[in-house]
């Protein structure tokens, strides 16, 4: 029985260390998981970093809404009362 434990010990240590390494967050914002629709993009010579979920709560994310009005596609509508575009 002790012989089996000595054989499994290196495997157990490797799995434990691997799990610890997987939880280390990336310090590079370009590699951090981004919110869908807010991925990093190249804009000419500038790279716009992706937006991480911790900085973008659900109530301020882009979304399509129903609208009836005289505005053309591409117009920006500002609802000053609700403080939204």
PDB file of N, CA and C in Angstrom:
ATOM      1  N   UNK A   1       0.811  -1.208   0.000  1.00  0.00           N
ATOM      2  CA  UNK A   1       0.000   0.000   0.000  1.00  0.00           C
ATOM      3  C   UNK A   1       0.852   1.269   0.000  1.00  0.00           C
ATOM      4  N   UNK A   2       1.911   1.380   0.810  1.00  0.00           N
ATOM      5  CA  UNK A   2       2.728   2.596   0.784  1.00  0.00           C
ATOM      6  C   UNK A   2       3.361   2.839  -0.582  1.00  0.00           C
ATOM      7  N   UNK A   3       3.664   1.774  -1.338  1.00  0.00           N
ATOM      8  CA  UNK A   3       4.260   1.917  -2.653  1.00  0.00           C
ATOM      9  C   UNK A   3       3.319   2.664  -3.609  1.00  0.00           C
ATOM     10  N   UNK A   4       2.021   2.396  -3.534  1.00  0.00           N
ATOM     11  CA  UNK A   4       1.032   3.070  -4.382  1.00  0.00           C
ATOM     12  C   UNK A   4       0.960   4.552  -4.021  1.00  0.00           C
ATOM     13  N   UNK A   5       1.003   4.862  -2.741  1.00  0.00           N
ATOM     14  CA  UNK A   5       0.943   6.263  -2.315  1.00  0.00           C
ATOM     15  C   UNK A   5       2.139   7.057  -2.833  1.00  0.00           C
ATOM     16  N   UNK A   6       3.314   6.457  -2.820  1.00  0.00           N
ATOM     17  CA  UNK A   6       4.498   7.158  -3.327  1.00  0.00           C
ATOM     18  C   UNK A   6       4.410   7.373  -4.832  1.00  0.00           C
ATOM     19  N   UNK A   7       3.730   6.492  -5.542  1.00  0.00           N
ATOM     20  CA  UNK A   7       3.562   6.655  -6.987  1.00  0.00           C
ATOM     21  C   UNK A   7       2.526   7.739  -7.302  1.00  0.00           C
ATOM     22  N   UNK A   8       1.495   7.848  -6.475  1.00  0.00           N
ATOM     23  CA  UNK A   8       0.433   8.832  -6.723  1.00  0.00           C
ATOM     24  C   UNK A   8       0.768  10.221  -6.195  1.00  0.00           C
ATOM     25  N   UNK A   9       1.698  10.336  -5.287  1.00  0.00           N
ATOM     26  CA  UNK A   9       2.050  11.621  -4.687  1.00  0.00           C
ATOM     27  C   UNK A   9       2.502  12.658  -5.729  1.00  0.00           C
ATOM     28  N   UNK A  10       3.405  12.330  -6.668  1.00  0.00           N
ATOM     29  CA  UNK A  10       3.791  13.332  -7.670  1.00  0.00           C
ATOM     30  C   UNK A  10       2.614  13.793  -8.534  1.00  0.00           C
ATOM     31  N   UNK A  11       1.719  12.867  -8.870  1.00  0.00           N
ATOM     32  CA  UNK A  11       0.545  13.230  -9.663  1.00  0.00           C
ATOM     33  C   UNK A  11      -0.362  14.169  -8.867  1.00  0.00           C
ATOM     34  N   UNK A  12      -0.576  13.869  -7.616  1.00  0.00           N
ATOM     35  CA  UNK A  12      -1.416  14.730  -6.781  1.00  0.00           C
ATOM     36  C   UNK A  12      -0.812  16.129  -6.646  1.00  0.00           C
ATOM     37  N   UNK A  13       0.479  16.204  -6.472  1.00  0.00           N
ATOM     38  CA  UNK A  13       1.143  17.512  -6.367  1.00  0.00           C
ATOM     39  C   UNK A  13       1.040  18.288  -7.672  1.00  0.00           C
ATOM     40  N   UNK A  14       1.219  17.613  -8.786  1.00  0.00           N
ATOM     41  CA  UNK A  14       1.130  18.284 -10.084  1.00  0.00           C
ATOM     42  C   UNK A  14      -0.272  18.819 -10.325  1.00  0.00           C
ATOM     43  N   UNK A  15      -1.300  18.047  -9.992  1.00  0.00           N
ATOM     44  CA  UNK A  15      -2.674  18.507 -10.167  1.00  0.00           C
ATOM     45  C   UNK A  15      -2.984  19.684  -9.248  1.00  0.00           C
ATOM     46  N   UNK A  16      -2.482  19.649  -8.030  1.00  0.00           N
ATOM     47  CA  UNK A  16      -2.706  20.746  -7.094  1.00  0.00           C
ATOM     48  C   UNK A  16      -2.040  22.025  -7.591  1.00  0.00           C
ATOM     49  N   UNK A  17      -0.809  21.926  -8.027  1.00  0.00           N
ATOM     50  CA  UNK A  17      -0.112  23.113  -8.534  1.00  0.00           C
ATOM     51  C   UNK A  17      -0.739  23.620  -9.820  1.00  0.00           C
ATOM     52  N   UNK A  18      -1.206  22.729 -10.666  1.00  0.00           N
ATOM     53  CA  UNK A  18      -1.867  23.143 -11.898  1.00  0.00           C
ATOM     54  C   UNK A  18      -3.149  23.901 -11.620  1.00  0.00           C
ATOM     55  N   UNK A  19      -3.903  23.474 -10.632  1.00  0.00           N
ATOM     56  CA  UNK A  19      -5.136  24.172 -10.267  1.00  0.00           C
ATOM     57  C   UNK A  19      -4.830  25.549  -9.705  1.00  0.00           C
ATOM     58  N   UNK A  20      -3.765  25.678  -8.949  1.00  0.00           N
ATOM     59  CA  UNK A  20      -3.383  26.988  -8.407  1.00  0.00           C
ATOM     60  C   UNK A  20      -2.957  27.936  -9.516  1.00  0.00           C
ATOM     61  N   UNK A  21      -2.223  27.445 -10.477  1.00  0.00           N
ATOM     62  CA  UNK A  21      -1.741  28.284 -11.569  1.00  0.00           C
ATOM     63  C   UNK A  21      -2.893  28.747 -12.449  1.00  0.00           C
ATOM     64  N   UNK A  22      -3.940  27.965 -12.575  1.00  0.00           N
ATOM     65  CA  UNK A  22      -5.060  28.324 -13.436  1.00  0.00           C
ATOM     66  C   UNK A  22      -5.887  29.462 -12.854  1.00  0.00           C
ATOM     67  N   UNK A  23      -5.778  29.721 -11.559  1.00  0.00           N
ATOM     68  CA  UNK A  23      -6.593  30.767 -10.948  1.00  0.00           C
ATOM     69  C   UNK A  23      -5.896  32.123 -10.903  1.00  0.00           C
ATOM     70  N   UNK A  24      -4.698  32.227 -11.400  1.00  0.00           N
ATOM     71  CA  UNK A  24      -3.967  33.489 -11.386  1.00  0.00           C
ATOM     72  C   UNK A  24      -4.505  34.382 -12.500  1.00  0.00           C
ATOM     73  N   UNK A  25      -5.036  35.573 -12.179  1.00  0.00           N
ATOM     74  CA  UNK A  25      -5.568  36.447 -13.227  1.00  0.00           C
ATOM     75  C   UNK A  25      -4.454  37.024 -14.081  1.00  0.00           C
ATOM     76  N   UNK A  26      -4.807  37.330 -15.305  1.00  0.00           N
ATOM     77  CA  UNK A  26      -3.842  37.910 -16.229  1.00  0.00           C
ATOM     78  C   UNK A  26      -3.612  39.374 -15.882  1.00  0.00           C
ATOM     79  N   UNK A  27      -2.373  39.813 -15.882  1.00  0.00           N
ATOM     80  CA  UNK A  27      -2.084  41.220 -15.618  1.00  0.00           C
ATOM     81  C   UNK A  27      -2.162  42.049 -16.891  1.00  0.00           C
ATOM     82  N   UNK A  28      -2.244  41.385 -18.041  1.00  0.00           N
ATOM     83  CA  UNK A  28      -2.349  42.068 -19.322  1.00  0.00           C
ATOM     84  C   UNK A  28      -3.822  42.242 -19.667  1.00  0.00           C
ATOM     85  N   UNK A  29      -4.351  43.494 -19.699  1.00  0.00           N
ATOM     86  CA  UNK A  29      -5.767  43.698 -19.981  1.00  0.00           C
ATOM     87  C   UNK A  29      -6.189  43.157 -21.341  1.00  0.00           C
ATOM     88  N   UNK A  30      -5.280  43.093 -22.284  1.00  0.00           N
ATOM     89  CA  UNK A  30      -5.632  42.581 -23.607  1.00  0.00           C
ATOM     90  C   UNK A  30      -5.898  41.085 -23.558  1.00  0.00           C
ATOM     91  N   UNK A  31      -5.388  40.385 -22.535  1.00  0.00           N
ATOM     92  CA  UNK A  31      -5.583  38.942 -22.414  1.00  0.00           C
ATOM     93  C   UNK A  31      -6.723  38.583 -21.452  1.00  0.00           C
ATOM     94  N   UNK A  32      -7.260  39.542 -20.715  1.00  0.00           N
ATOM     95  CA  UNK A  32      -8.326  39.269 -19.759  1.00  0.00           C
ATOM     96  C   UNK A  32      -9.620  38.966 -20.507  1.00  0.00           C
ATOM     97  N   UNK A  33     -10.492  38.143 -19.931  1.00  0.00           N
ATOM     98  CA  UNK A  33     -11.746  37.847 -20.608  1.00  0.00           C
ATOM     99  C   UNK A  33     -12.586  39.108 -20.749  1.00  0.00           C
ATOM    100  N   UNK A  34     -13.112  39.318 -21.922  1.00  0.00           N
ATOM    101  CA  UNK A  34     -13.881  40.525 -22.196  1.00  0.00           C
ATOM    102  C   UNK A  34     -15.364  40.202 -22.258  1.00  0.00           C
ATOM    103  N   UNK A  35     -16.169  41.230 -22.098  1.00  0.00           N
ATOM    104  CA  UNK A  35     -17.612  41.107 -22.242  1.00  0.00           C
ATOM    105  C   UNK A  35     -17.910  40.969 -23.736  1.00  0.00           C
ATOM    106  N   UNK A  36     -18.773  40.020 -24.130  1.00  0.00           N
ATOM    107  CA  UNK A  36     -19.113  39.899 -25.552  1.00  0.00           C
ATOM    108  C   UNK A  36     -19.624  41.226 -26.108  1.00  0.00           C
ATOM    109  N   UNK A  37     -19.098  41.614 -27.235  1.00  0.00           N
ATOM    110  CA  UNK A  37     -19.442  42.896 -27.842  1.00  0.00           C
ATOM    111  C   UNK A  37     -18.496  44.018 -27.454  1.00  0.00           C
ATOM    112  N   UNK A  38     -17.627  43.751 -26.488  1.00  0.00           N
ATOM    113  CA  UNK A  38     -16.672  44.744 -26.001  1.00  0.00           C
ATOM    114  C   UNK A  38     -15.250  44.194 -26.062  1.00  0.00           C
ATOM    115  N   UNK A  39     -14.964  43.357 -27.058  1.00  0.00           N
ATOM    116  CA  UNK A  39     -13.632  42.788 -27.216  1.00  0.00           C
ATOM    117  C   UNK A  39     -12.651  43.889 -27.639  1.00  0.00           C
ATOM    118  N   UNK A  40     -11.374  43.624 -27.482  1.00  0.00           N
ATOM    119  CA  UNK A  40     -10.356  44.583 -27.903  1.00  0.00           C
ATOM    120  C   UNK A  40     -10.311  44.694 -29.424  1.00  0.00           C
ATOM    121  N   UNK A  41     -10.063  45.894 -29.915  1.00  0.00           N
ATOM    122  CA  UNK A  41      -9.980  46.108 -31.367  1.00  0.00           C
ATOM    123  C   UNK A  41      -8.800  47.016 -31.689  1.00  0.00           C
ATOM    124  N   UNK A  42      -8.298  46.863 -32.888  1.00  0.00           N
ATOM    125  CA  UNK A  42      -7.241  47.729 -33.387  1.00  0.00           C
ATOM    126  C   UNK A  42      -7.890  48.880 -34.137  1.00  0.00           C
ATOM    127  N   UNK A  43      -7.584  50.111 -33.777  1.00  0.00           N
ATOM    128  CA  UNK A  43      -8.121  51.304 -34.425  1.00  0.00           C
ATOM    129  C   UNK A  43      -6.953  52.101 -34.959  1.00  0.00           C
ATOM    130  N   UNK A  44      -6.592  51.810 -36.215  1.00  0.00           N
ATOM    131  CA  UNK A  44      -5.423  52.459 -36.798  1.00  0.00           C
ATOM    132  C   UNK A  44      -4.173  52.021 -36.063  1.00  0.00           C
ATOM    133  N   UNK A  45      -3.436  52.978 -35.522  1.00  0.00           N
ATOM    134  CA  UNK A  45      -2.217  52.644 -34.778  1.00  0.00           C
ATOM    135  C   UNK A  45      -2.473  52.388 -33.298  1.00  0.00           C
ATOM    136  N   UNK A  46      -3.727  52.534 -32.856  1.00  0.00           N
ATOM    137  CA  UNK A  46      -4.065  52.367 -31.444  1.00  0.00           C
ATOM    138  C   UNK A  46      -4.817  51.067 -31.210  1.00  0.00           C
ATOM    139  N   UNK A  47      -4.534  50.405 -30.085  1.00  0.00           N
ATOM    140  CA  UNK A  47      -5.279  49.230 -29.677  1.00  0.00           C
ATOM    141  C   UNK A  47      -6.201  49.627 -28.544  1.00  0.00           C
ATOM    142  N   UNK A  48      -7.489  49.400 -28.728  1.00  0.00           N
ATOM    143  CA  UNK A  48      -8.471  49.672 -27.689  1.00  0.00           C
ATOM    144  C   UNK A  48      -8.667  48.379 -26.920  1.00  0.00           C
ATOM    145  N   UNK A  49      -8.303  48.385 -25.655  1.00  0.00           N
ATOM    146  CA  UNK A  49      -8.328  47.180 -24.828  1.00  0.00           C
ATOM    147  C   UNK A  49      -9.764  46.709 -24.619  1.00  0.00           C
ATOM    148  N   UNK A  50      -9.939  45.397 -24.438  1.00  0.00           N
ATOM    149  CA  UNK A  50     -11.282  44.879 -24.160  1.00  0.00           C
ATOM    150  C   UNK A  50     -11.771  45.361 -22.802  1.00  0.00           C
ATOM    151  N   UNK A  51     -13.082  45.427 -22.661  1.00  0.00           N
ATOM    152  CA  UNK A  51     -13.685  45.851 -21.402  1.00  0.00           C
ATOM    153  C   UNK A  51     -13.958  44.606 -20.573  1.00  0.00           C
ATOM    154  N   UNK A  52     -13.435  44.589 -19.366  1.00  0.00           N
ATOM    155  CA  UNK A  52     -13.653  43.466 -18.459  1.00  0.00           C
ATOM    156  C   UNK A  52     -15.009  43.608 -17.771  1.00  0.00           C
ATOM    157  N   UNK A  53     -15.627  42.491 -17.469  1.00  0.00           N
ATOM    158  CA  UNK A  53     -16.977  42.480 -16.893  1.00  0.00           C
ATOM    159  C   UNK A  53     -17.072  43.290 -15.603  1.00  0.00           C
ATOM    160  N   UNK A  54     -16.017  43.325 -14.813  1.00  0.00           N
ATOM    161  CA  UNK A  54     -16.075  44.055 -13.543  1.00  0.00           C
ATOM    162  C   UNK A  54     -16.258  45.552 -13.739  1.00  0.00           C
ATOM    163  N   UNK A  55     -15.938  46.068 -14.931  1.00  0.00           N
ATOM    164  CA  UNK A  55     -16.070  47.499 -15.208  1.00  0.00           C
ATOM    165  C   UNK A  55     -17.317  47.833 -16.023  1.00  0.00           C
ATOM    166  N   UNK A  56     -18.165  46.843 -16.307  1.00  0.00           N
ATOM    167  CA  UNK A  56     -19.316  47.078 -17.174  1.00  0.00           C
ATOM    168  C   UNK A  56     -20.542  46.353 -16.619  1.00  0.00           C
ATOM    169  N   UNK A  57     -21.245  46.966 -15.675  1.00  0.00           N
ATOM    170  CA  UNK A  57     -22.442  46.331 -15.138  1.00  0.00           C
ATOM    171  C   UNK A  57     -23.526  46.184 -16.208  1.00  0.00           C
ATOM    172  N   UNK A  58     -24.458  45.285 -15.988  1.00  0.00           N
ATOM    173  CA  UNK A  58     -25.488  44.983 -16.980  1.00  0.00           C
ATOM    174  C   UNK A  58     -26.306  46.204 -17.396  1.00  0.00           C
ATOM    175  N   UNK A  59     -26.602  47.096 -16.491  1.00  0.00           N
ATOM    176  CA  UNK A  59     -27.498  48.213 -16.813  1.00  0.00           C
ATOM    177  C   UNK A  59     -26.869  49.257 -17.738  1.00  0.00           C
ATOM    178  N   UNK A  60     -25.569  49.190 -17.992  1.00  0.00           N
ATOM    179  CA  UNK A  60     -24.950  50.165 -18.892  1.00  0.00           C
ATOM    180  C   UNK A  60     -24.417  49.532 -20.182  1.00  0.00           C
ATOM    181  N   UNK A  61     -24.691  48.255 -20.400  1.00  0.00           N
ATOM    182  CA  UNK A  61     -24.225  47.592 -21.628  1.00  0.00           C
ATOM    183  C   UNK A  61     -25.087  47.987 -22.816  1.00  0.00           C
ATOM    184  N   UNK A  62     -24.477  47.946 -24.000  1.00  0.00           N
ATOM    185  CA  UNK A  62     -25.201  48.236 -25.230  1.00  0.00           C
ATOM    186  C   UNK A  62     -26.324  47.232 -25.436  1.00  0.00           C
ATOM    187  N   UNK A  63     -27.433  47.722 -25.931  1.00  0.00           N
ATOM    188  CA  UNK A  63     -28.536  46.836 -26.282  1.00  0.00           C
ATOM    189  C   UNK A  63     -29.436  47.528 -27.293  1.00  0.00           C
ATOM    190  N   UNK A  64     -30.111  46.727 -28.092  1.00  0.00           N
ATOM    191  CA  UNK A  64     -31.065  47.276 -29.049  1.00  0.00           C
ATOM    192  C   UNK A  64     -32.411  47.414 -28.357  1.00  0.00           C
ATOM    193  N   UNK A  65     -33.077  48.525 -28.631  1.00  0.00           N
ATOM    194  CA  UNK A  65     -34.388  48.762 -28.042  1.00  0.00           C
ATOM    195  C   UNK A  65     -35.358  49.152 -29.149  1.00  0.00           C
ATOM    196  N   UNK A  66     -36.627  48.899 -28.907  1.00  0.00           N
ATOM    197  CA  UNK A  66     -37.656  49.303 -29.870  1.00  0.00           C
ATOM    198  C   UNK A  66     -37.793  50.828 -29.824  1.00  0.00           C
ATOM    199  N   UNK A  67     -37.969  51.439 -30.997  1.00  0.00           N
ATOM    200  CA  UNK A  67     -38.084  52.894 -31.049  1.00  0.00           C
ATOM    201  C   UNK A  67     -38.989  53.279 -32.201  1.00  0.00           C
ATOM    202  N   UNK A  68     -39.920  54.165 -31.927  1.00  0.00           N
ATOM    203  CA  UNK A  68     -40.784  54.710 -32.965  1.00  0.00           C
ATOM    204  C   UNK A  68     -40.517  56.202 -32.992  1.00  0.00           C
ATOM    205  N   UNK A  69     -40.004  56.689 -34.109  1.00  0.00           N
ATOM    206  CA  UNK A  69     -39.702  58.102 -34.213  1.00  0.00           C
ATOM    207  C   UNK A  69     -39.283  58.449 -35.630  1.00  0.00           C
ATOM    208  N   UNK A  70     -38.979  59.717 -35.853  1.00  0.00           N
ATOM    209  CA  UNK A  70     -38.600  60.199 -37.178  1.00  0.00           C
ATOM    210  C   UNK A  70     -37.117  60.066 -37.458  1.00  0.00           C
ATOM    211  N   UNK A  71     -36.348  59.591 -36.513  1.00  0.00           N
ATOM    212  CA  UNK A  71     -34.902  59.514 -36.669  1.00  0.00           C
ATOM    213  C   UNK A  71     -34.523  58.446 -37.682  1.00  0.00           C
ATOM    214  N   UNK A  72     -33.380  58.653 -38.314  1.00  0.00           N
ATOM    215  CA  UNK A  72     -32.859  57.727 -39.310  1.00  0.00           C
ATOM    216  C   UNK A  72     -31.918  56.729 -38.638  1.00  0.00           C
ATOM    217  N   UNK A  73     -31.713  55.548 -39.253  1.00  0.00           N
ATOM    218  CA  UNK A  73     -30.726  54.608 -38.698  1.00  0.00           C
ATOM    219  C   UNK A  73     -29.363  55.277 -38.569  1.00  0.00           C
ATOM    220  N   UNK A  74     -28.740  55.098 -37.434  1.00  0.00           N
ATOM    221  CA  UNK A  74     -27.436  55.704 -37.175  1.00  0.00           C
ATOM    222  C   UNK A  74     -27.523  56.970 -36.346  1.00  0.00           C
ATOM    223  N   UNK A  75     -28.720  57.570 -36.236  1.00  0.00           N
ATOM    224  CA  UNK A  75     -28.884  58.743 -35.381  1.00  0.00           C
ATOM    225  C   UNK A  75     -28.707  58.330 -33.923  1.00  0.00           C
ATOM    226  N   UNK A  76     -28.201  59.230 -33.123  1.00  0.00           N
ATOM    227  CA  UNK A  76     -28.024  58.969 -31.694  1.00  0.00           C
ATOM    228  C   UNK A  76     -29.120  59.707 -30.948  1.00  0.00           C
ATOM    229  N   UNK A  77     -29.897  58.957 -30.183  1.00  0.00           N
ATOM    230  CA  UNK A  77     -30.994  59.521 -29.413  1.00  0.00           C
ATOM    231  C   UNK A  77     -30.544  59.608 -27.954  1.00  0.00           C
ATOM    232  N   UNK A  78     -30.717  60.771 -27.342  1.00  0.00           N
ATOM    233  CA  UNK A  78     -30.333  60.970 -25.958  1.00  0.00           C
ATOM    234  C   UNK A  78     -31.588  61.153 -25.126  1.00  0.00           C
ATOM    235  N   UNK A  79     -31.799  60.259 -24.169  1.00  0.00           N
ATOM    236  CA  UNK A  79     -32.892  60.382 -23.228  1.00  0.00           C
ATOM    237  C   UNK A  79     -32.312  61.000 -21.961  1.00  0.00           C
ATOM    238  N   UNK A  80     -32.415  62.315 -21.839  1.00  0.00           N
ATOM    239  CA  UNK A  80     -31.778  62.994 -20.713  1.00  0.00           C
ATOM    240  C   UNK A  80     -32.430  62.653 -19.387  1.00  0.00           C
ATOM    241  N   UNK A  81     -33.724  62.369 -19.405  1.00  0.00           N
ATOM    242  CA  UNK A  81     -34.418  62.007 -18.163  1.00  0.00           C
ATOM    243  C   UNK A  81     -33.900  60.685 -17.613  1.00  0.00           C
ATOM    244  N   UNK A  82     -33.742  59.686 -18.495  1.00  0.00           N
ATOM    245  CA  UNK A  82     -33.247  58.376 -18.064  1.00  0.00           C
ATOM    246  C   UNK A  82     -31.711  58.302 -18.060  1.00  0.00           C
ATOM    247  N   UNK A  83     -31.067  59.347 -18.605  1.00  0.00           N
ATOM    248  CA  UNK A  83     -29.606  59.396 -18.696  1.00  0.00           C
ATOM    249  C   UNK A  83     -29.030  58.221 -19.490  1.00  0.00           C
ATOM    250  N   UNK A  84     -29.604  57.971 -20.658  1.00  0.00           N
ATOM    251  CA  UNK A  84     -29.127  56.919 -21.553  1.00  0.00           C
ATOM    252  C   UNK A  84     -29.093  57.454 -22.972  1.00  0.00           C
ATOM    253  N   UNK A  85     -28.289  56.809 -23.810  1.00  0.00           N
ATOM    254  CA  UNK A  85     -28.280  57.135 -25.238  1.00  0.00           C
ATOM    255  C   UNK A  85     -29.235  56.208 -25.943  1.00  0.00           C
TER     256      UNK A  85
END
